[in-house]
Amino acid sequence: MKKTILSLGGLLLGTALAHAQANISPAKAQSKPIVITGATIHVGNGQVINNGYIAFDKGKITAIGEGKAPNTAGAEVINATGKQVYPGFICPVTTLGLVEIEEGARGTIDDAETGDLNPHVRSLVAYNTDSKVIPTVRSNGILLAQPTPSGGLISGESSVVQLDAWNWEDAAYKKDIAVHLNWPSAGGGRGFGGGRRAAATTTPQETPAERAQKAIDNIVNLFTQAKAYNELAKPEVTNIRFEAMRGLFNGSKKLFVIADGAKEIVQAVKFAKQFNLSEVIVGGKQSYLVTNILRDNNVPVIIRETQTVPERDEDDVYLPYKLPHILQDAGVMYGLTGTGFWRQRNLPFEAGQAVSYGLTKEQALAMITINNAKILGIDKTTGTLETGKDANLFISAGDALDMITIDVQTAFIQGRDINLDNLHKQLYRKFADKYGVKAD
């Protein structure tokens, strides 16, 4: 019965989505210079410009500063007095665009491939630019994302996309930047646990620790073979899995490792060091216990949400809120993501919550802008509002890290003025009209 209800619910929701938002099209390329004036500008690197201006043309920022804009001739001028300008928020490690309906509609779920070892699977080609979830996330200032595969030991490779496009080719911002590995864990803990529960072929006599070690041995063996393969100038037989891993050994791709437990994090760091890989820890619930190892090995952490419970019963109940500040003080590079796909719209609020537990507002902003950009390797083109970078930014009437005051009124991706309508807003207007309520 429950499955029937879920399936029916998925069918009805799918039908509703199919008839919604047909009027939302990707924005056209920037046709003339734009200058935003009078705003409080949050650069993203800790700097705040009061009564500032920012100009951009052909998708690139051309000027930024305080006071009166030096040249507005022929430009569209947007008066943002009393408002705030932010860099577009960046959401790493998400299933946004890969999943549409979580329950009862398998046809809308495309975030995992069968099998355990899939380094060659590209999530980019499965990214659905027509997802009705994307505009709801975009409306909260999230303009770039990293749709990421899941499942198995090695899930596949990911790319960075911009969230306003006709198809995945248009969406691609930086292709195939990372391979994703779920580090085996002996178990224990909540949520994602210490890492991925080892799922290798086992015998009843094996302990959880033995199963985890067997999975780790399989990973080491695979990477040893892949490294040897990629040292060959011209392999006699092409191996598509090893070809996909080539970038890990030449430095063009990073290894994103899902690991929460302190033991698993240390194992993953040692593993990456053994093969000279550029590594990122995803999750890292117990990263506060091994900050010296992360710092000394230059391994960043992408925290998987702050609005959660601690990993261990003996931990401070507020530890997840404090984790960004702990990593900040320890000198560990850190970023932030949320859980799943639709919940990514809460990304700025989870960042803002960390302000009450040690971070400054600008540090919290950096966590979901320049920090995430550096970890993803796109900081030369985005993440801060600086001359020469892409014009990925938005204007909010209030504090964008506060769910009460956020009011994203205008947003630009590479200078394109994007449509901020979404299904939620459409439904609000529909029922406001029904009950005679004035819709803002």
Protein backbone atom coordinates (compact mmCIF):
# COMPACT_ATOMS: atom_id res chain seq x y z
CA MET A 1 0.00 0.00 0.00
CA LYS A 2 2.76 2.41 0.92
CA LYS A 3 4.52 1.76 -2.37
CA THR A 4 1.24 2.32 -4.24
CA ILE A 5 0.72 5.68 -2.50
CA LEU A 6 4.30 6.72 -3.22
CA SER A 7 3.98 5.74 -6.86
CA LEU A 8 0.68 7.61 -7.19
CA GLY A 9 2.20 10.63 -5.45
CA GLY A 10 5.18 10.53 -7.79
CA LEU A 11 2.88 10.27 -10.80
CA LEU A 12 0.76 13.25 -9.69
CA LEU A 13 3.82 15.35 -8.88
CA GLY A 14 5.42 14.40 -12.17
CA THR A 15 2.24 15.41 -14.01
CA ALA A 16 2.16 18.74 -12.16
CA LEU A 17 5.82 19.39 -12.97
CA ALA A 18 5.29 18.52 -16.61
CA HIS A 19 2.77 21.37 -16.96
CA ALA A 20 4.75 23.94 -14.97
CA GLN A 21 7.49 26.39 -15.80
CA ALA A 22 7.33 26.05 -19.58
CA ASN A 23 7.79 29.82 -19.68
CA ILE A 24 11.20 29.76 -18.00
CA SER A 25 13.89 29.84 -20.66
CA PRO A 26 17.66 30.24 -20.27
CA ALA A 27 18.81 33.84 -20.50
CA LYS A 28 20.36 35.26 -23.63
CA ALA A 29 23.97 36.40 -23.73
CA GLN A 30 24.74 39.82 -22.25
CA SER A 31 24.11 42.37 -24.97
CA LYS A 32 25.36 45.59 -23.36
CA PRO A 33 27.40 46.73 -20.34
CA ILE A 34 25.66 46.67 -16.96
CA VAL A 35 26.60 48.77 -13.94
CA ILE A 36 25.18 48.16 -10.48
CA THR A 37 25.49 51.21 -8.22
CA GLY A 38 24.90 52.19 -4.60
CA ALA A 39 25.11 48.67 -3.21
CA THR A 40 26.89 47.04 -0.31
CA ILE A 41 29.19 44.66 -2.18
CA HIS A 42 30.46 41.49 -0.54
CA VAL A 43 33.53 40.64 -2.60
CA GLY A 44 33.78 37.10 -1.20
CA ASN A 45 37.37 37.35 0.06
CA GLY A 46 36.45 39.11 3.29
CA GLN A 47 36.27 42.58 1.80
CA VAL A 48 33.03 44.59 1.96
CA ILE A 49 32.54 47.72 -0.17
CA ASN A 50 29.93 50.18 1.08
CA ASN A 51 28.15 52.38 -1.46
CA GLY A 52 29.92 50.43 -4.16
CA TYR A 53 29.58 49.86 -7.86
CA ILE A 54 30.32 46.86 -10.04
CA ALA A 55 30.39 46.86 -13.84
CA PHE A 56 30.48 43.94 -16.24
CA ASP A 57 30.41 43.46 -19.99
CA LYS A 58 30.39 40.38 -22.24
CA GLY A 59 30.07 38.23 -19.14
CA LYS A 60 33.18 39.54 -17.38
CA ILE A 61 33.58 41.97 -14.48
CA THR A 62 35.24 45.11 -15.80
CA ALA A 63 35.29 47.38 -12.74
CA ILE A 64 34.46 47.36 -9.04
CA GLY A 65 34.94 49.99 -6.37
CA GLU A 66 33.47 52.48 -3.93
CA GLY A 67 31.51 55.60 -4.73
CA LYS A 68 30.38 56.74 -8.15
CA ALA A 69 30.99 54.45 -11.11
CA PRO A 70 33.63 55.99 -13.40
CA ASN A 71 31.87 55.28 -16.69
CA THR A 72 28.21 54.41 -17.28
CA ALA A 73 27.85 55.72 -20.84
CA GLY A 74 25.84 53.27 -22.93
CA ALA A 75 25.38 50.92 -20.00
CA GLU A 76 22.27 49.69 -18.27
CA VAL A 77 22.45 51.14 -14.76
CA ILE A 78 20.84 49.27 -11.88
CA ASN A 79 20.33 51.36 -8.75
CA ALA A 80 20.88 48.97 -5.83
CA THR A 81 20.95 51.54 -3.03
CA GLY A 82 20.18 49.84 0.28
CA LYS A 83 20.69 46.39 -1.27
CA GLN A 84 23.53 43.88 -1.19
CA VAL A 85 25.52 42.25 -3.97
CA TYR A 86 27.08 38.82 -3.53
CA PRO A 87 29.13 36.39 -5.62
CA GLY A 88 26.99 33.50 -6.84
CA PHE A 89 26.93 30.69 -4.30
CA ILE A 90 28.58 27.43 -5.35
CA CYS A 91 27.21 24.04 -4.36
CA PRO A 92 29.69 21.12 -4.55
CA VAL A 93 28.91 17.40 -4.30
CA THR A 94 25.18 17.37 -4.99
CA THR A 95 22.67 15.25 -6.91
CA LEU A 96 20.98 18.39 -8.23
CA GLY A 97 19.94 17.75 -11.83
CA LEU A 98 20.47 14.01 -11.42
CA VAL A 99 17.45 13.32 -9.20
CA GLU A 100 13.97 14.80 -9.60
CA ILE A 101 11.64 12.76 -7.39
CA GLU A 102 13.19 10.72 -4.60
CA GLU A 103 10.41 8.20 -3.94
CA GLY A 104 8.33 6.12 -6.29
CA ALA A 105 9.70 7.36 -9.61
CA ARG A 106 12.89 5.53 -10.56
CA GLY A 107 12.83 7.09 -14.00
CA THR A 108 13.69 10.45 -12.43
CA ILE A 109 16.74 9.13 -10.57
CA ASP A 110 20.02 9.03 -12.49
CA ASP A 111 22.74 9.51 -9.89
CA ALA A 112 24.23 6.01 -9.75
CA GLU A 113 25.45 3.27 -12.06
CA THR A 114 25.43 -0.45 -11.43
CA GLY A 115 28.64 -2.03 -10.20
CA ASP A 116 31.27 -0.98 -7.68
CA LEU A 117 34.06 0.45 -9.84
CA ASN A 118 32.88 3.15 -12.23
CA PRO A 119 35.55 5.85 -12.57
CA HIS A 120 34.59 6.22 -16.25
CA VAL A 121 30.95 7.18 -15.59
CA ARG A 122 30.39 10.90 -16.30
CA SER A 123 27.60 12.55 -14.33
CA LEU A 124 27.71 15.55 -16.66
CA VAL A 125 25.95 13.76 -19.51
CA ALA A 126 23.12 12.76 -17.15
CA TYR A 127 22.61 16.31 -15.87
CA ASN A 128 19.05 17.44 -16.56
CA THR A 129 18.88 21.17 -17.25
CA ASP A 130 15.06 20.95 -17.33
CA SER A 131 14.85 19.90 -13.68
CA LYS A 132 12.13 21.85 -11.89
CA VAL A 133 14.27 21.81 -8.75
CA ILE A 134 17.08 23.88 -10.25
CA PRO A 135 15.15 27.20 -10.39
CA THR A 136 14.12 26.83 -6.72
CA VAL A 137 17.79 26.52 -5.77
CA ARG A 138 18.84 29.29 -8.12
CA SER A 139 16.33 31.65 -6.51
CA ASN A 140 18.40 31.53 -3.31
CA GLY A 141 21.58 32.67 -5.04
CA ILE A 142 23.10 29.29 -5.90
CA LEU A 143 24.39 29.74 -9.44
CA LEU A 144 26.98 26.96 -9.84
CA ALA A 145 26.93 23.33 -8.77
CA GLN A 146 28.82 20.06 -9.02
CA PRO A 147 26.36 17.25 -9.92
CA THR A 148 28.01 14.19 -8.43
CA PRO A 149 27.44 10.46 -8.93
CA SER A 150 26.96 8.16 -5.97
CA GLY A 151 27.02 4.45 -5.14
CA GLY A 152 29.66 1.75 -5.35
CA LEU A 153 33.26 2.14 -4.26
CA ILE A 154 34.19 4.47 -7.12
CA SER A 155 31.05 6.29 -8.23
CA GLY A 156 32.33 8.13 -11.29
CA GLU A 157 33.52 11.57 -12.28
CA SER A 158 31.89 14.96 -11.88
CA SER A 159 31.92 18.38 -13.52
CA VAL A 160 30.92 21.90 -12.51
CA VAL A 161 27.82 23.34 -14.19
CA GLN A 162 26.18 26.75 -14.27
CA LEU A 163 22.49 26.60 -13.41
CA ASP A 164 20.92 28.25 -16.46
CA ALA A 165 21.29 26.31 -19.68
CA TRP A 166 19.46 24.57 -22.53
CA ASN A 167 21.38 21.31 -22.21
CA TRP A 168 24.35 19.74 -20.45
CA GLU A 169 26.78 20.98 -23.10
CA ASP A 170 25.67 24.58 -22.47
CA ALA A 171 25.70 24.02 -18.71
CA ALA A 172 29.28 22.72 -18.51
CA TYR A 173 31.45 25.22 -16.63
CA LYS A 174 34.45 22.97 -16.03
CA LYS A 175 34.37 19.39 -17.24
CA ASP A 176 35.46 16.20 -15.49
CA ILE A 177 37.26 17.73 -12.53
CA ALA A 178 37.03 14.88 -10.02
CA VAL A 179 36.67 11.15 -9.44
CA HIS A 180 34.57 10.14 -6.43
CA LEU A 181 35.53 7.40 -3.99
CA ASN A 182 33.43 6.09 -1.09
CA TRP A 183 35.97 5.08 1.56
CA PRO A 184 35.12 1.71 3.19
CA SER A 185 34.18 1.73 6.85
CA ALA A 186 33.82 -1.00 9.42
CA GLY A 187 30.56 0.69 10.42
CA GLY A 188 29.28 2.64 13.37
CA GLY A 189 28.09 6.20 13.68
CA ARG A 190 25.08 7.96 12.23
CA GLY A 191 24.34 9.36 8.84
CA PHE A 192 27.08 8.42 6.42
CA GLY A 193 28.98 6.68 9.22
CA GLY A 194 32.73 6.62 9.01
CA GLY A 195 32.52 6.20 5.27
CA ARG A 196 30.93 3.61 2.99
CA ARG A 197 30.03 0.33 4.66
CA ALA A 198 32.23 -2.27 3.01
CA ALA A 199 30.13 -4.27 0.55
CA ALA A 200 32.73 -6.59 -0.89
CA THR A 201 32.00 -10.29 -1.28
CA THR A 202 32.32 -11.71 2.21
CA THR A 203 32.10 -14.89 4.21
CA PRO A 204 30.07 -15.27 7.42
CA GLN A 205 33.31 -15.54 9.41
CA GLU A 206 34.54 -12.05 8.40
CA THR A 207 34.27 -9.19 10.85
CA PRO A 208 33.20 -5.69 9.70
CA ALA A 209 36.82 -4.59 10.04
CA GLU A 210 37.98 -7.46 7.82
CA ARG A 211 35.37 -6.60 5.21
CA ALA A 212 36.46 -2.98 5.22
CA GLN A 213 40.11 -3.96 4.86
CA LYS A 214 39.26 -6.25 1.94
CA ALA A 215 37.54 -3.33 0.19
CA ILE A 216 40.54 -1.07 0.88
CA ASP A 217 42.86 -3.71 -0.55
CA ASN A 218 40.72 -3.81 -3.69
CA ILE A 219 40.98 -0.03 -4.02
CA VAL A 220 44.75 -0.07 -3.57
CA ASN A 221 45.04 -2.84 -6.13
CA LEU A 222 42.90 -0.94 -8.65
CA PHE A 223 44.90 2.28 -8.25
CA THR A 224 48.19 0.38 -8.51
CA GLN A 225 47.07 -1.09 -11.82
CA ALA A 226 45.70 2.24 -13.03
CA LYS A 227 48.96 4.02 -12.20
CA ALA A 228 51.00 1.40 -14.05
CA TYR A 229 48.66 1.62 -17.03
CA ASN A 230 48.93 5.41 -17.18
CA GLU A 231 52.72 5.24 -17.11
CA LEU A 232 52.62 3.45 -20.45
CA ALA A 233 53.20 5.76 -23.40
CA LYS A 234 50.77 3.81 -25.59
CA PRO A 235 48.87 0.90 -23.98
CA GLU A 236 48.26 -2.02 -26.35
CA VAL A 237 44.68 -2.37 -25.09
CA THR A 238 42.57 0.62 -24.04
CA ASN A 239 41.04 0.34 -20.58
CA ILE A 240 38.26 2.92 -20.23
CA ARG A 241 38.35 2.81 -16.43
CA PHE A 242 42.08 3.46 -16.30
CA GLU A 243 41.79 6.14 -18.98
CA ALA A 244 39.25 7.98 -16.82
CA MET A 245 41.69 7.82 -13.90
CA ARG A 246 44.58 9.27 -15.91
CA GLY A 247 43.82 12.78 -14.67
CA LEU A 248 44.27 11.67 -11.06
CA PHE A 249 47.91 10.85 -11.71
CA ASN A 250 48.79 13.88 -13.85
CA GLY A 251 47.07 16.33 -11.50
CA SER A 252 44.23 17.44 -13.79
CA LYS A 253 41.60 15.75 -11.61
CA LYS A 254 41.06 15.54 -7.86
CA LEU A 255 40.02 12.55 -5.82
CA PHE A 256 36.94 13.33 -3.75
CA VAL A 257 36.74 10.84 -0.88
CA ILE A 258 33.59 10.44 1.21
CA ALA A 259 34.77 9.76 4.76
CA ASP A 260 33.35 10.88 8.09
CA GLY A 261 35.20 8.94 10.77
CA ALA A 262 38.61 10.08 12.03
CA LYS A 263 40.13 6.65 11.32
CA GLU A 264 38.75 6.59 7.79
CA ILE A 265 39.93 10.14 7.09
CA VAL A 266 43.48 9.27 8.17
CA GLN A 267 43.42 6.12 6.02
CA ALA A 268 42.20 8.12 3.03
CA VAL A 269 44.89 10.78 3.48
CA LYS A 270 47.63 8.14 3.66
CA PHE A 271 46.21 6.44 0.59
CA ALA A 272 46.22 9.66 -1.44
CA LYS A 273 49.77 10.41 -0.31
CA GLN A 274 50.88 6.93 -1.37
CA PHE A 275 49.72 7.59 -4.94
CA ASN A 276 50.54 11.34 -4.94
CA LEU A 277 46.92 12.34 -5.54
CA SER A 278 45.22 15.68 -4.97
CA GLU A 279 42.51 14.79 -2.46
CA VAL A 280 39.36 16.33 -0.99
CA ILE A 281 37.53 14.87 2.01
CA VAL A 282 33.72 15.02 1.73
CA GLY A 283 31.68 14.79 4.91
CA GLY A 284 34.43 14.89 7.49
CA LYS A 285 32.19 14.81 10.56
CA GLN A 286 35.16 13.84 12.73
CA SER A 287 37.67 15.99 10.86
CA TYR A 288 38.03 18.13 14.00
CA LEU A 289 39.94 15.20 15.55
CA VAL A 290 42.59 15.11 12.80
CA THR A 291 43.00 18.75 11.79
CA ASN A 292 46.79 18.58 12.02
CA ILE A 293 46.91 15.72 9.51
CA LEU A 294 44.57 17.52 7.12
CA ARG A 295 46.49 20.80 7.41
CA ASP A 296 49.95 19.25 7.09
CA ASN A 297 48.89 17.31 3.98
CA ASN A 298 46.99 20.23 2.46
CA VAL A 299 43.74 18.25 2.28
CA PRO A 300 40.56 20.36 2.21
CA VAL A 301 37.22 19.29 3.65
CA ILE A 302 33.78 19.81 2.16
CA ILE A 303 31.47 19.72 5.15
CA ARG A 304 28.22 17.94 4.39
CA GLU A 305 25.67 20.23 6.07
CA THR A 306 25.79 21.83 9.50
CA GLN A 307 22.13 21.30 10.39
CA THR A 308 22.57 17.76 11.62
CA VAL A 309 23.37 15.77 14.76
CA PRO A 310 26.87 14.94 16.05
CA GLU A 311 28.53 11.73 14.92
CA ARG A 312 29.19 10.43 18.45
CA ASP A 313 27.00 10.38 21.56
CA GLU A 314 29.72 12.02 23.63
CA ASP A 315 30.13 14.97 21.24
CA ASP A 316 28.87 18.48 21.93
CA VAL A 317 25.34 18.73 20.52
CA TYR A 318 26.36 21.95 18.75
CA LEU A 319 29.50 20.44 17.23
CA PRO A 320 28.17 20.38 13.62
CA TYR A 321 27.51 24.14 13.86
CA LYS A 322 30.97 24.73 15.29
CA LEU A 323 32.90 22.56 12.81
CA PRO A 324 33.54 25.32 10.22
CA HIS A 325 35.07 27.55 12.90
CA ILE A 326 37.19 24.69 14.24
CA LEU A 327 38.61 24.05 10.76
CA GLN A 328 39.07 27.80 10.21
CA ASP A 329 41.13 28.13 13.41
CA ALA A 330 43.13 25.00 12.58
CA GLY A 331 44.16 26.34 9.17
CA VAL A 332 42.30 23.65 7.20
CA MET A 333 40.71 24.69 3.92
CA TYR A 334 36.98 23.94 4.08
CA GLY A 335 33.82 24.38 2.05
CA LEU A 336 30.19 23.46 2.54
CA THR A 337 27.50 21.52 0.76
CA GLY A 338 24.07 20.29 1.73
CA THR A 339 22.35 16.92 1.45
CA GLY A 340 20.77 15.62 -1.74
CA PHE A 341 19.42 18.08 -4.26
CA TRP A 342 16.37 20.17 -3.30
CA ARG A 343 17.78 20.87 0.17
CA GLN A 344 20.67 22.72 -1.45
CA ARG A 345 18.46 25.80 -1.44
CA ASN A 346 19.24 25.94 2.30
CA LEU A 347 23.00 26.15 1.62
CA PRO A 348 23.31 29.89 2.44
CA PHE A 349 21.34 29.46 5.67
CA GLU A 350 23.54 26.60 6.86
CA ALA A 351 26.54 28.81 6.17
CA GLY A 352 24.89 31.69 8.01
CA GLN A 353 24.17 29.51 11.02
CA ALA A 354 27.90 29.00 11.49
CA VAL A 355 28.16 32.74 12.24
CA SER A 356 26.52 32.14 15.60
CA TYR A 357 29.20 29.56 16.38
CA GLY A 358 32.45 31.39 15.66
CA LEU A 359 32.71 32.42 12.01
CA THR A 360 32.41 36.00 10.85
CA LYS A 361 29.76 36.70 8.22
CA GLU A 362 32.39 37.14 5.54
CA GLN A 363 34.08 33.85 6.50
CA ALA A 364 30.70 32.12 6.25
CA LEU A 365 30.18 33.70 2.83
CA ALA A 366 33.66 32.60 1.72
CA MET A 367 32.78 29.03 2.72
CA ILE A 368 30.19 28.79 -0.08
CA THR A 369 31.92 31.06 -2.61
CA ILE A 370 35.69 31.33 -2.88
CA ASN A 371 36.47 28.33 -0.65
CA ASN A 372 34.25 26.04 -2.70
CA ALA A 373 35.68 27.58 -5.87
CA LYS A 374 39.26 26.85 -4.76
CA ILE A 375 38.42 23.27 -3.85
CA LEU A 376 36.74 22.75 -7.24
CA GLY A 377 39.59 24.44 -9.09
CA ILE A 378 37.47 27.25 -10.57
CA ASP A 379 38.69 30.13 -8.40
CA LYS A 380 40.46 31.85 -11.31
CA THR A 381 37.11 32.52 -12.97
CA THR A 382 34.58 32.74 -10.12
CA GLY A 383 34.10 32.74 -6.35
CA THR A 384 34.83 36.44 -5.76
CA LEU A 385 33.80 39.70 -7.39
CA GLU A 386 37.04 40.84 -9.00
CA THR A 387 37.96 42.42 -12.31
CA GLY A 388 38.43 39.81 -15.03
CA LYS A 389 36.32 37.13 -13.39
CA ASP A 390 32.97 35.89 -14.68
CA ALA A 391 30.00 38.04 -13.70
CA ASN A 392 28.36 35.38 -11.52
CA LEU A 393 26.55 37.47 -8.93
CA PHE A 394 23.18 38.47 -7.53
CA ILE A 395 21.41 41.34 -5.79
CA SER A 396 19.51 40.70 -2.57
CA ALA A 397 17.34 43.18 -0.70
CA GLY A 398 18.52 41.64 2.58
CA ASP A 399 21.18 39.45 4.15
CA ALA A 400 21.50 36.44 1.82
CA LEU A 401 22.77 34.20 4.63
CA ASP A 402 19.60 34.78 6.66
CA MET A 403 16.45 32.90 5.66
CA ILE A 404 14.28 35.68 7.10
CA THR A 405 15.78 38.58 5.16
CA ILE A 406 17.08 36.97 1.94
CA ASP A 407 15.35 38.38 -1.12
CA VAL A 408 17.19 37.61 -4.33
CA GLN A 409 15.80 40.09 -6.85
CA THR A 410 18.26 39.90 -9.74
CA ALA A 411 20.93 37.35 -10.64
CA PHE A 412 23.52 37.07 -13.38
CA ILE A 413 25.46 34.07 -14.64
CA GLN A 414 28.35 35.07 -16.88
CA GLY A 415 26.61 38.41 -17.28
CA ARG A 416 23.28 36.91 -18.38
CA ASP A 417 20.23 38.22 -16.52
CA ILE A 418 18.57 34.96 -15.50
CA ASN A 419 14.91 34.26 -14.84
CA LEU A 420 14.31 33.83 -11.11
CA ASP A 421 10.80 32.45 -11.40
CA ASN A 422 10.17 28.91 -10.17
CA LEU A 423 7.41 26.42 -9.42
CA HIS A 424 7.17 27.52 -5.78
CA LYS A 425 6.60 31.14 -6.77
CA GLN A 426 4.07 30.11 -9.40
CA LEU A 427 2.07 28.10 -6.88
CA TYR A 428 2.21 30.98 -4.41
CA ARG A 429 0.81 33.38 -7.00
CA LYS A 430 -1.86 30.88 -8.01
CA PHE A 431 -3.25 30.41 -4.53
CA ALA A 432 -2.73 34.03 -3.53
CA ASP A 433 -5.03 34.84 -6.42
CA LYS A 434 -7.55 32.22 -5.28
CA TYR A 435 -7.78 33.69 -1.77
CA GLY A 436 -7.40 37.32 -2.73
CA VAL A 437 -3.99 37.76 -1.14
CA LYS A 438 -1.62 40.28 -2.67
CA ALA A 439 1.40 38.43 -4.03
CA ASP A 440 4.66 40.39 -3.76
